[in-house]
């Protein structure tokens, strides 16, 4: 589990090799080292003197990546595995050759192009491992972008061969969680630290913890306190809840506080099924996987990639109704767009203040509270539509519209930024739309623009005209399409 930066005056999450993995080549380790984020390097510098290897085998890479505080041994959870990909994480076998874990456990390797790097160990870490299987592929949620790991922190690992037949894969929950589920008893399993203080220690042995569900929001569930909690090394591990008497994975351990003393957060699996988990698991396992044989029957929950070029077949296809995961990432929430195919969400919407300003958005549920409606920063408002559906929008003025904050012309739809008032302005005058009542049509060189009235306390009319004229002459009037500031 990663430590949440907002809660850390001093970082205590260790993320560096403790001992050398004999399986990993020097080249692979060097490439991984080159891709480490600056924030993680800073964390390493702060805690390098206090992180310990615990009981991790000498031929493993071990790093404290967020164990169970106040837990007990978990000797029977054979489907909960130790993941060694540049560090120690935890994972869950969800299909014979697929392990569920956190994106921040595999992100560095993926960014380095090392998707066949690492291995997964089966057992409890207290004796000889039951089995150890190499990783041949890994993928993470397309929206996960480190170091902003607070959302979409989920990934899948593909093994070189099936897990031992005696180990049953565990089911993933798709049951939608709500605030009514707060208080539900949960069970958390992981290989992480058993002591979060002084840099952390005790990682490498599988432990479990039973705690109540404390919080449900649009992306995470929260649990744990100063006495009972997850910690570094538990990252990617499962949180279980019972439905109809059967334990299901409802969350993947993601991040928490310094020294593992406050609420920890798990990425919800229910909201990740349709956007990531279902399609990848389908393409990697079962009768409808990508294996060169097209299967078209009711056994396929998702389309067999061998039947549809838009599926996960290793080929990027154009014109797909939903994004092809084999294609580069399209526009994300708040990015500029002109048509739906430019957005990952396939939703390019116009600003409520000015439909000429268009950006990538996403659907939401206006009947839910803000914490559960499906909108994430920078689009934090769920705007109800005439048909009762919702579209995520900005909480204030949409960037680029008249009156929104700007520092340069290219940030405005009109291509005009009043650098005195630091707002986007629109042309006005004969034959053009009138300014709204909060603005005044002011001269700016050879044109007129709607800006703050001359008596608005920002500048005199002549001074404003000079500032606008100088800016426009210098930067020009052409609008340069680019990502807007959030």
Protein backbone atom coordinates (compact mmCIF):
# COMPACT_ATOMS: atom_id res chain seq x y z
CA UNK A 1 0.00 0.00 0.00
CA UNK A 2 1.30 3.43 -0.87
CA UNK A 3 1.33 6.18 1.69
CA UNK A 4 -1.06 8.99 0.94
CA UNK A 5 1.03 12.14 0.29
CA UNK A 6 -1.56 14.52 1.70
CA UNK A 7 -1.22 12.86 5.08
CA UNK A 8 2.55 12.68 5.16
CA UNK A 9 4.79 15.43 6.46
CA UNK A 10 7.52 12.81 6.15
CA UNK A 11 7.15 9.89 3.77
CA UNK A 12 7.31 6.42 5.33
CA UNK A 13 6.44 4.23 2.35
CA UNK A 14 9.49 2.27 1.22
CA UNK A 15 9.66 1.36 -2.44
CA UNK A 16 13.13 0.09 -3.24
CA UNK A 17 14.87 -3.28 -3.58
CA UNK A 18 16.06 -4.79 -0.34
CA UNK A 19 17.96 -7.71 -1.84
CA UNK A 20 18.77 -8.77 -5.38
CA UNK A 21 16.41 -11.00 -7.31
CA UNK A 22 18.54 -13.59 -9.11
CA UNK A 23 15.87 -14.00 -11.76
CA UNK A 24 15.95 -10.35 -12.77
CA UNK A 25 18.65 -9.21 -15.17
CA UNK A 26 20.77 -6.18 -14.47
CA UNK A 27 19.35 -4.61 -17.62
CA UNK A 28 15.79 -4.97 -16.42
CA UNK A 29 16.59 -3.52 -13.03
CA UNK A 30 18.43 -0.61 -14.63
CA UNK A 31 15.51 0.16 -16.90
CA UNK A 32 13.13 0.04 -13.98
CA UNK A 33 15.34 2.33 -11.97
CA UNK A 34 15.31 4.89 -14.78
CA UNK A 35 11.52 5.03 -14.72
CA UNK A 36 11.06 5.50 -10.96
CA UNK A 37 9.05 8.58 -10.21
CA UNK A 38 10.73 11.48 -8.45
CA UNK A 39 8.31 11.19 -5.56
CA UNK A 40 9.26 7.56 -4.97
CA UNK A 41 12.95 8.40 -5.11
CA UNK A 42 12.42 11.05 -2.48
CA UNK A 43 10.57 8.51 -0.35
CA UNK A 44 13.50 6.12 -0.68
CA UNK A 45 15.96 8.75 0.48
CA UNK A 46 13.88 9.47 3.54
CA UNK A 47 13.49 5.91 4.72
CA UNK A 48 16.38 3.89 3.29
CA UNK A 49 17.97 3.54 6.67
CA UNK A 50 14.92 2.07 8.40
CA UNK A 51 13.25 -0.42 6.01
CA UNK A 52 13.85 -4.10 6.73
CA UNK A 53 13.56 -7.24 4.67
CA UNK A 54 11.73 -9.27 7.29
CA UNK A 55 11.47 -12.92 6.25
CA UNK A 56 11.49 -12.41 2.49
CA UNK A 57 13.62 -15.15 0.86
CA UNK A 58 17.15 -14.11 -0.05
CA UNK A 59 16.59 -14.58 -3.77
CA UNK A 60 13.65 -12.18 -3.87
CA UNK A 61 13.36 -8.49 -4.39
CA UNK A 62 11.66 -7.22 -1.26
CA UNK A 63 10.32 -3.72 -0.75
CA UNK A 64 7.77 -2.27 1.60
CA UNK A 65 4.97 -1.14 -0.62
CA UNK A 66 1.99 -0.91 1.83
CA UNK A 67 1.41 -5.94 6.31
CA UNK A 68 -1.35 -6.23 8.43
CA UNK A 69 -1.24 -4.28 11.71
CA UNK A 70 -2.94 -6.11 14.58
CA UNK A 71 -3.78 -9.16 12.48
CA UNK A 72 -3.28 -12.90 12.73
CA UNK A 73 -1.68 -15.56 10.52
CA UNK A 74 -3.58 -16.51 7.37
CA UNK A 75 -2.34 -20.02 6.52
CA UNK A 76 -5.33 -21.13 4.45
CA UNK A 77 -5.65 -18.34 1.89
CA UNK A 78 -3.61 -20.09 -0.80
CA UNK A 79 -5.13 -17.91 -3.53
CA UNK A 80 -3.64 -14.81 -1.89
CA UNK A 81 -0.12 -14.54 -3.27
CA UNK A 82 3.13 -12.62 -2.82
CA UNK A 83 3.92 -10.52 -5.89
CA UNK A 84 7.57 -9.68 -6.63
CA UNK A 85 7.83 -7.08 -9.41
CA UNK A 86 10.55 -4.67 -8.34
CA UNK A 87 9.21 -4.92 -4.78
CA UNK A 88 6.87 -6.83 -2.50
CA UNK A 89 3.14 -6.55 -3.06
CA UNK A 90 0.16 -8.83 -2.49
CA UNK A 91 -2.23 -10.24 -5.07
CA UNK A 92 -5.22 -12.55 -5.52
CA UNK A 93 -5.60 -15.46 -7.94
CA UNK A 94 -8.86 -14.72 -9.81
CA UNK A 95 -8.40 -17.18 -12.71
CA UNK A 96 -5.97 -20.12 -13.13
CA UNK A 97 -3.38 -17.82 -14.75
CA UNK A 98 -4.50 -14.35 -13.62
CA UNK A 99 -3.62 -12.42 -10.47
CA UNK A 100 -5.38 -9.24 -9.34
CA UNK A 101 -3.20 -6.54 -7.74
CA UNK A 102 -2.68 -2.77 -7.56
CA UNK A 103 -1.50 -0.68 -10.49
CA UNK A 104 1.21 1.01 -8.45
CA UNK A 105 2.77 -2.45 -7.92
CA UNK A 106 3.34 -2.92 -11.67
CA UNK A 107 3.32 0.63 -13.04
CA UNK A 108 7.09 1.11 -13.13
CA UNK A 109 7.63 -2.18 -14.95
CA UNK A 110 4.91 -1.41 -17.50
CA UNK A 111 6.26 2.09 -18.13
CA UNK A 112 9.69 0.52 -18.72
CA UNK A 113 8.21 -1.95 -21.21
CA UNK A 114 8.97 -4.90 -18.91
CA UNK A 115 5.57 -6.58 -18.90
CA UNK A 116 7.16 -10.04 -18.64
CA UNK A 117 9.12 -9.19 -15.50
CA UNK A 118 8.76 -10.67 -12.00
CA UNK A 119 7.06 -13.63 -10.40
CA UNK A 120 4.27 -14.68 -8.07
CA UNK A 121 4.79 -16.97 -5.05
CA UNK A 122 2.11 -19.20 -3.54
CA UNK A 123 2.24 -19.96 0.18
CA UNK A 124 2.20 -18.07 3.48
CA UNK A 125 5.86 -17.01 3.64
CA UNK A 126 6.48 -18.93 6.85
CA UNK A 127 8.03 -21.95 5.19
CA UNK A 128 8.82 -23.21 1.72
CA UNK A 129 6.66 -21.70 -1.01
CA UNK A 130 4.02 -23.99 -2.52
CA UNK A 131 4.95 -22.74 -5.97
CA UNK A 132 6.61 -19.84 -7.76
CA UNK A 133 5.45 -18.82 -11.25
CA UNK A 134 6.97 -16.27 -13.61
CA UNK A 135 4.98 -13.31 -14.92
CA UNK A 136 4.57 -13.19 -18.71
CA UNK A 137 2.27 -10.19 -19.03
CA UNK A 138 0.69 -7.43 -16.98
CA UNK A 139 -1.70 -4.58 -17.60
CA UNK A 140 -3.16 -1.78 -15.50
CA UNK A 141 -6.22 0.42 -15.79
CA UNK A 142 -5.78 2.83 -18.69
CA UNK A 143 -6.70 5.81 -16.50
CA UNK A 144 -4.05 5.10 -13.87
CA UNK A 145 -1.33 7.70 -14.11
CA UNK A 146 1.31 7.74 -11.34
CA UNK A 147 2.05 9.44 -9.09
CA UNK A 148 -1.63 10.48 -8.93
CA UNK A 149 -2.56 7.00 -7.73
CA UNK A 150 -5.71 7.88 -5.83
CA UNK A 151 -8.04 6.49 -8.51
CA UNK A 152 -7.93 3.52 -10.91
CA UNK A 153 -5.15 1.84 -8.90
CA UNK A 154 -5.85 -1.66 -10.17
CA UNK A 155 -3.99 -4.15 -12.38
CA UNK A 156 -3.92 -7.75 -13.61
CA UNK A 157 -0.95 -10.08 -13.98
CA UNK A 158 -0.81 -13.05 -16.36
CA UNK A 159 1.19 -16.09 -15.24
CA UNK A 160 3.41 -18.26 -17.44
CA UNK A 161 1.39 -21.33 -16.44
CA UNK A 162 -1.69 -22.15 -14.37
CA UNK A 163 -1.52 -22.10 -10.58
CA UNK A 164 -1.49 -25.50 -8.83
CA UNK A 165 -4.83 -27.24 -9.41
CA UNK A 166 -5.37 -27.48 -5.63
CA UNK A 167 -5.68 -23.66 -5.43
CA UNK A 168 -9.10 -22.33 -6.39
CA UNK A 169 -9.32 -18.84 -7.90
CA UNK A 170 -11.46 -16.42 -5.89
CA UNK A 171 -14.51 -14.56 -7.18
CA UNK A 172 -14.53 -10.79 -7.71
CA UNK A 173 -17.57 -8.90 -6.52
CA UNK A 174 -19.57 -6.81 -8.97
CA UNK A 175 -22.22 -5.95 -6.36
CA UNK A 176 -22.52 -2.17 -6.16
CA UNK A 177 -21.53 -0.88 -2.75
CA UNK A 178 -23.38 2.03 -1.17
CA UNK A 179 -23.14 4.06 2.03
CA UNK A 180 -25.68 1.63 3.49
CA UNK A 181 -22.90 -0.98 3.56
CA UNK A 182 -20.88 0.97 6.14
CA UNK A 183 -20.39 -1.32 9.15
CA UNK A 184 -20.16 -4.47 7.02
CA UNK A 185 -17.55 -6.88 8.42
CA UNK A 186 -14.59 -7.27 6.06
CA UNK A 187 -11.53 -9.51 5.99
CA UNK A 188 -8.22 -8.18 4.64
CA UNK A 189 -5.21 -10.35 3.73
CA UNK A 190 -1.65 -9.32 2.90
CA UNK A 191 2.10 -9.92 3.15
CA UNK A 192 3.00 -6.46 4.41
CA UNK A 193 4.41 -4.90 7.55
CA UNK A 194 3.17 -5.96 10.96
CA UNK A 195 4.62 -2.81 12.49
CA UNK A 196 4.22 0.49 10.68
CA UNK A 197 6.40 2.59 12.98
CA UNK A 198 10.06 3.48 12.46
CA UNK A 199 10.00 2.68 8.77
CA UNK A 200 8.06 -0.55 9.12
CA UNK A 201 9.02 -4.16 9.73
CA UNK A 202 7.69 -7.72 9.69
CA UNK A 203 6.77 -8.03 6.02
CA UNK A 204 6.93 -11.27 4.06
CA UNK A 205 4.43 -13.43 5.98
CA UNK A 206 0.74 -13.65 5.12
CA UNK A 207 -1.61 -12.21 7.72
CA UNK A 208 -5.30 -11.39 7.95
CA UNK A 209 -7.47 -8.84 9.68
CA UNK A 210 -11.21 -8.54 10.34
CA UNK A 211 -12.43 -4.95 10.45
CA UNK A 212 -15.65 -3.03 9.73
CA UNK A 213 -16.21 -1.02 6.58
CA UNK A 214 -15.84 2.64 7.54
CA UNK A 215 -16.39 4.51 4.30
CA UNK A 216 -17.66 4.11 0.75
CA UNK A 217 -16.95 6.69 -1.93
CA UNK A 218 -17.02 6.70 -5.72
CA UNK A 219 -13.59 5.09 -6.10
CA UNK A 220 -12.66 3.48 -2.77
CA UNK A 221 -13.71 1.81 0.42
CA UNK A 222 -12.05 2.87 3.68
CA UNK A 223 -11.13 0.78 6.70
CA UNK A 224 -8.63 0.49 9.54
CA UNK A 225 -7.35 2.56 12.47
CA UNK A 226 -4.29 2.91 14.72
CA UNK A 227 -4.66 -0.63 16.08
CA UNK A 228 -5.92 -2.67 13.10
CA UNK A 229 -4.84 -1.74 9.60
CA UNK A 230 -3.11 -2.55 6.35
CA UNK A 231 0.43 -1.33 5.76
CA UNK A 232 3.36 -1.34 3.30
CA UNK A 233 3.55 -4.67 1.45
CA UNK A 234 -0.23 -5.22 1.52
CA UNK A 235 -0.65 -3.23 -1.68
CA UNK A 236 -2.72 -5.10 -4.22
CA UNK A 237 -4.05 -7.51 -1.60
CA UNK A 238 -7.71 -8.43 -1.28
CA UNK A 239 -10.45 -7.14 0.93
CA UNK A 240 -13.19 -9.76 1.25
CA UNK A 241 -16.89 -9.53 2.05
CA UNK A 242 -19.39 -12.39 2.16
CA UNK A 243 -22.32 -12.42 -0.25
CA UNK A 244 -24.70 -15.39 -0.03
CA UNK A 245 -22.20 -17.08 2.30
CA UNK A 246 -19.31 -16.85 -0.18
CA UNK A 247 -16.33 -14.53 0.18
CA UNK A 248 -15.80 -12.17 -2.75
CA UNK A 249 -13.02 -9.68 -3.40
CA UNK A 250 -14.57 -6.22 -3.04
CA UNK A 251 -11.39 -4.14 -2.93
CA UNK A 252 -7.68 -3.99 -3.71
CA UNK A 253 -5.41 -2.39 -1.09
CA UNK A 254 -4.15 0.90 -2.48
CA UNK A 255 -2.97 3.65 -0.09
CA UNK A 256 -3.03 4.85 3.49
CA UNK A 257 -1.52 7.16 6.07
CA UNK A 258 1.95 7.54 7.49
CA UNK A 259 2.97 4.59 9.71
CA UNK A 260 -0.38 2.92 8.91
CA UNK A 261 -2.24 4.62 11.75
CA UNK A 262 -5.28 6.12 10.04
CA UNK A 263 -7.87 4.98 7.51
CA UNK A 264 -6.54 2.95 4.58
CA UNK A 265 -8.23 2.89 1.20
CA UNK A 266 -8.97 0.05 -1.21
CA UNK A 267 -9.86 0.46 -4.88
CA UNK A 268 -13.37 -0.88 -5.40
CA UNK A 269 -13.71 -3.87 -7.73
CA UNK A 270 -17.41 -3.36 -8.45
CA UNK A 271 -16.80 -0.11 -10.34
CA UNK A 272 -13.75 -1.60 -12.09
CA UNK A 273 -15.48 -4.62 -13.60
CA UNK A 274 -17.05 -2.96 -16.63
CA UNK A 275 -14.23 -0.48 -17.18
CA UNK A 276 -11.30 -2.89 -16.90
CA UNK A 277 -11.49 -6.23 -15.09
CA UNK A 278 -14.21 -8.00 -17.06
CA UNK A 279 -12.78 -7.46 -20.53
CA UNK A 280 -9.17 -8.29 -19.62
CA UNK A 281 -10.05 -11.44 -17.68
CA UNK A 282 -12.25 -12.52 -20.60
CA UNK A 283 -9.43 -11.95 -23.10
CA UNK A 284 -6.86 -13.78 -20.97
CA UNK A 285 -8.85 -16.81 -19.79
CA UNK A 286 -11.84 -19.03 -20.44
CA UNK A 287 -13.46 -20.21 -23.68
CA UNK A 288 -13.67 -16.68 -25.13
CA UNK A 289 -10.02 -15.70 -24.67
CA UNK A 290 -7.72 -14.49 -27.43
CA UNK A 291 -6.44 -17.85 -28.67
CA UNK A 292 -7.02 -17.74 -32.42
CA UNK A 293 -10.46 -19.37 -32.22
CA UNK A 294 -13.61 -17.26 -32.53
CA UNK A 295 -16.31 -18.31 -30.10
CA UNK A 296 -19.74 -16.75 -30.63
CA UNK A 297 -22.20 -18.09 -28.10
CA UNK A 298 -23.83 -17.21 -24.81
CA UNK A 299 -20.79 -18.44 -22.85
CA UNK A 300 -19.00 -15.21 -23.79
CA UNK A 301 -19.83 -12.45 -21.32
CA UNK A 302 -17.62 -10.17 -23.44
CA UNK A 303 -16.96 -10.46 -27.17
CA UNK A 304 -14.24 -12.95 -28.06
CA UNK A 305 -11.25 -10.85 -29.29
CA UNK A 306 -10.82 -13.38 -32.11
CA UNK A 307 -14.27 -12.37 -33.39
CA UNK A 308 -13.92 -8.59 -33.12
CA UNK A 309 -10.91 -6.47 -34.06
CA UNK A 310 -11.98 -3.98 -31.37
CA UNK A 311 -11.26 -6.56 -28.68
CA UNK A 312 -7.95 -7.21 -26.88
CA UNK A 313 -6.22 -8.88 -29.80
CA UNK A 314 -3.02 -6.84 -29.96
CA UNK A 315 -4.28 -4.79 -32.93
CA UNK A 316 -5.41 -1.17 -32.68
CA UNK A 317 -8.65 -0.73 -34.60
CA UNK A 318 -10.33 2.51 -35.69
CA UNK A 319 -14.01 3.35 -35.33
CA UNK A 320 -14.74 1.17 -32.30
CA UNK A 321 -17.86 2.04 -30.31
CA UNK A 322 -15.87 1.59 -27.10
CA UNK A 323 -12.14 2.31 -26.82
CA UNK A 324 -9.90 -0.44 -28.16
CA UNK A 325 -7.46 -1.24 -25.32
CA UNK A 326 -4.81 -1.97 -27.94
CA UNK A 327 -4.89 1.70 -29.01
CA UNK A 328 -3.14 4.67 -27.38
CA UNK A 329 -5.07 6.43 -24.65
CA UNK A 330 -7.60 8.96 -25.95
CA UNK A 331 -8.71 12.15 -24.20
CA UNK A 332 -9.48 11.97 -20.49
CA UNK A 333 -11.90 13.99 -18.39
CA UNK A 334 -11.59 17.75 -19.10
CA UNK A 335 -9.41 17.33 -22.22
CA UNK A 336 -10.45 19.35 -25.27
CA UNK A 337 -12.33 17.46 -27.97
CA UNK A 338 -14.28 18.02 -31.15
CA UNK A 339 -15.92 14.59 -31.45
CA UNK A 340 -16.74 11.61 -29.24
CA UNK A 341 -14.03 9.31 -30.63
CA UNK A 342 -11.40 11.70 -29.27
CA UNK A 343 -12.48 10.78 -25.72
CA UNK A 344 -11.90 7.55 -23.81
CA UNK A 345 -15.41 7.91 -22.43
CA UNK A 346 -16.81 8.46 -25.95
CA UNK A 347 -18.55 11.52 -24.50
CA UNK A 348 -17.58 14.93 -25.87
CA UNK A 349 -19.89 17.53 -24.34
CA UNK A 350 -20.41 21.27 -24.61
CA UNK A 351 -19.99 23.64 -21.69
CA UNK A 352 -23.29 24.77 -20.14
CA UNK A 353 -22.11 28.39 -20.36
CA UNK A 354 -21.02 28.11 -24.01
CA UNK A 355 -21.67 24.99 -26.11
CA UNK A 356 -18.85 26.01 -28.44
CA UNK A 357 -16.41 24.99 -25.69
CA UNK A 358 -16.28 21.20 -25.76
CA UNK A 359 -14.42 18.75 -23.53
CA UNK A 360 -14.30 15.06 -22.68
CA UNK A 361 -16.68 14.15 -19.87
CA UNK A 362 -18.32 11.04 -18.44
CA UNK A 363 -21.76 9.95 -17.35
CA UNK A 364 -22.80 10.11 -13.71
CA UNK A 365 -25.79 9.43 -11.47
CA UNK A 366 -27.42 12.68 -10.30
CA UNK A 367 -29.52 10.78 -7.75
CA UNK A 368 -26.40 9.82 -5.75
CA UNK A 369 -24.49 12.00 -3.25
CA UNK A 370 -21.35 13.72 -4.52
CA UNK A 371 -19.12 11.02 -3.04
CA UNK A 372 -20.84 8.30 -5.08
CA UNK A 373 -22.16 9.95 -8.24
CA UNK A 374 -19.18 8.89 -10.38
CA UNK A 375 -17.56 12.29 -10.98
CA UNK A 376 -13.89 12.81 -10.20
CA UNK A 377 -11.68 15.89 -10.20
CA UNK A 378 -11.48 18.09 -12.17
CA UNK A 379 -15.07 17.31 -13.19
CA UNK A 380 -16.69 17.20 -9.77
CA UNK A 381 -20.30 18.23 -10.49
CA UNK A 382 -22.94 15.82 -11.80
CA UNK A 383 -25.18 17.94 -14.03
CA UNK A 384 -28.61 16.41 -14.49
CA UNK A 385 -29.80 16.24 -18.10
CA UNK A 386 -33.41 16.56 -19.38
CA UNK A 387 -33.69 12.77 -19.68
CA UNK A 388 -32.68 12.27 -16.03
CA UNK A 389 -29.14 11.08 -16.76
CA UNK A 390 -26.07 12.99 -15.62
CA UNK A 391 -22.89 14.38 -17.17
CA UNK A 392 -19.85 15.40 -15.12
CA UNK A 393 -18.83 19.03 -15.33
CA UNK A 394 -16.69 21.67 -13.66
CA UNK A 395 -17.71 23.12 -10.29
CA UNK A 396 -17.02 26.67 -11.48
CA UNK A 397 -16.78 28.25 -14.90
CA UNK A 398 -15.71 25.86 -17.61
CA UNK A 399 -12.14 26.65 -18.69
CA UNK A 400 -12.07 28.54 -21.96
CA UNK A 401 -15.45 30.27 -21.71
CA UNK A 402 -16.01 34.01 -21.29
CA UNK A 403 -14.85 35.06 -17.83
CA UNK A 404 -12.87 31.92 -16.98
CA UNK A 405 -9.32 32.28 -15.68
CA UNK A 406 -6.50 32.40 -18.22
CA UNK A 407 -2.83 33.26 -18.51
CA UNK A 408 -2.47 33.08 -22.29
CA UNK A 409 -4.60 33.30 -25.41
CA UNK A 410 -4.51 29.60 -26.19
CA UNK A 411 -6.42 28.81 -22.99
CA UNK A 412 -9.54 30.56 -24.29
CA UNK A 413 -12.05 29.40 -26.88
CA UNK A 414 -11.93 32.83 -28.49
CA UNK A 415 -8.15 32.93 -28.53
CA UNK A 416 -8.33 36.13 -26.49
CA UNK A 417 -7.10 36.50 -22.92
CA UNK A 418 -7.31 39.81 -21.08
CA UNK A 419 -3.96 39.71 -19.32
CA UNK A 420 -4.95 42.50 -16.95
CA UNK A 421 -8.11 40.88 -15.65
CA UNK A 422 -6.68 37.40 -16.38
CA UNK A 423 -9.92 36.19 -17.91
CA UNK A 424 -10.99 34.85 -21.27
CA UNK A 425 -12.85 37.43 -23.36
CA UNK A 426 -15.06 37.34 -26.43
CA UNK A 427 -15.23 39.83 -29.30
CA UNK A 428 -18.13 42.26 -29.26
CA UNK A 429 -19.38 45.17 -31.31
CA UNK A 430 -21.46 45.64 -34.43
CA UNK A 431 -22.93 42.41 -35.73
CA UNK A 432 -21.68 40.37 -32.76
CA UNK A 433 -23.46 39.12 -29.67
CA UNK A 434 -23.87 41.59 -26.85
CA UNK A 435 -21.85 41.21 -23.66
CA UNK A 436 -23.62 39.76 -20.67
CA UNK A 437 -24.50 42.23 -17.95
CA UNK A 438 -21.43 41.55 -15.83
CA UNK A 439 -19.10 42.54 -18.69
CA UNK A 440 -18.58 45.67 -20.80
CA UNK A 441 -17.63 46.00 -24.48
CA UNK A 442 -14.17 47.58 -24.33
CA UNK A 443 -11.72 48.58 -27.04
CA UNK A 444 -8.62 46.43 -27.42
CA UNK A 445 -6.61 47.85 -30.28
CA UNK A 446 -8.54 47.30 -33.49
CA UNK A 447 -11.22 45.13 -31.89
CA UNK A 448 -13.62 45.24 -28.99
CA UNK A 449 -14.01 42.56 -26.36
CA UNK A 450 -16.34 41.77 -23.47
CA UNK A 451 -14.31 42.31 -20.30
CA UNK A 452 -14.64 43.64 -16.76
CA UNK A 453 -16.25 47.12 -16.74
CA UNK A 454 -13.83 50.03 -16.52
CA UNK A 455 -15.23 50.94 -13.11
CA UNK A 456 -14.79 47.40 -11.83
CA UNK A 457 -11.75 48.38 -9.81
CA UNK A 458 -9.16 46.51 -11.88
CA UNK A 459 -7.93 49.27 -14.19
CA UNK A 460 -9.03 52.28 -16.15
CA UNK A 461 -10.61 51.84 -19.55
CA UNK A 462 -7.60 53.27 -21.38
CA UNK A 463 -5.19 51.20 -19.37
CA UNK A 464 -7.19 48.05 -20.08
CA UNK A 465 -7.31 48.78 -23.80
CA UNK A 466 -3.53 49.23 -23.89
CA UNK A 467 -2.91 45.98 -22.03
CA UNK A 468 -5.28 44.02 -24.26
CA UNK A 469 -3.90 45.55 -27.43
CA UNK A 470 -0.30 44.78 -26.48
CA UNK A 471 -1.15 41.20 -25.60
CA UNK A 472 -3.10 40.55 -28.75
CA UNK A 473 -0.42 42.00 -31.00
CA UNK A 474 2.22 39.89 -29.29
CA UNK A 475 0.46 36.55 -29.16
CA UNK A 476 -2.00 36.80 -32.07
CA UNK A 477 -5.63 35.89 -32.16
CA UNK A 478 -5.49 32.29 -33.38
CA UNK A 479 -6.78 29.67 -30.94
CA UNK A 480 -4.31 26.86 -30.39
CA UNK A 481 -6.10 23.64 -29.43
CA UNK A 482 -4.45 22.17 -26.36
CA UNK A 483 -5.29 20.68 -23.04
CA UNK A 484 -6.90 23.16 -20.76
CA UNK A 485 -5.69 23.94 -17.30
CA UNK A 486 -7.73 22.19 -14.66
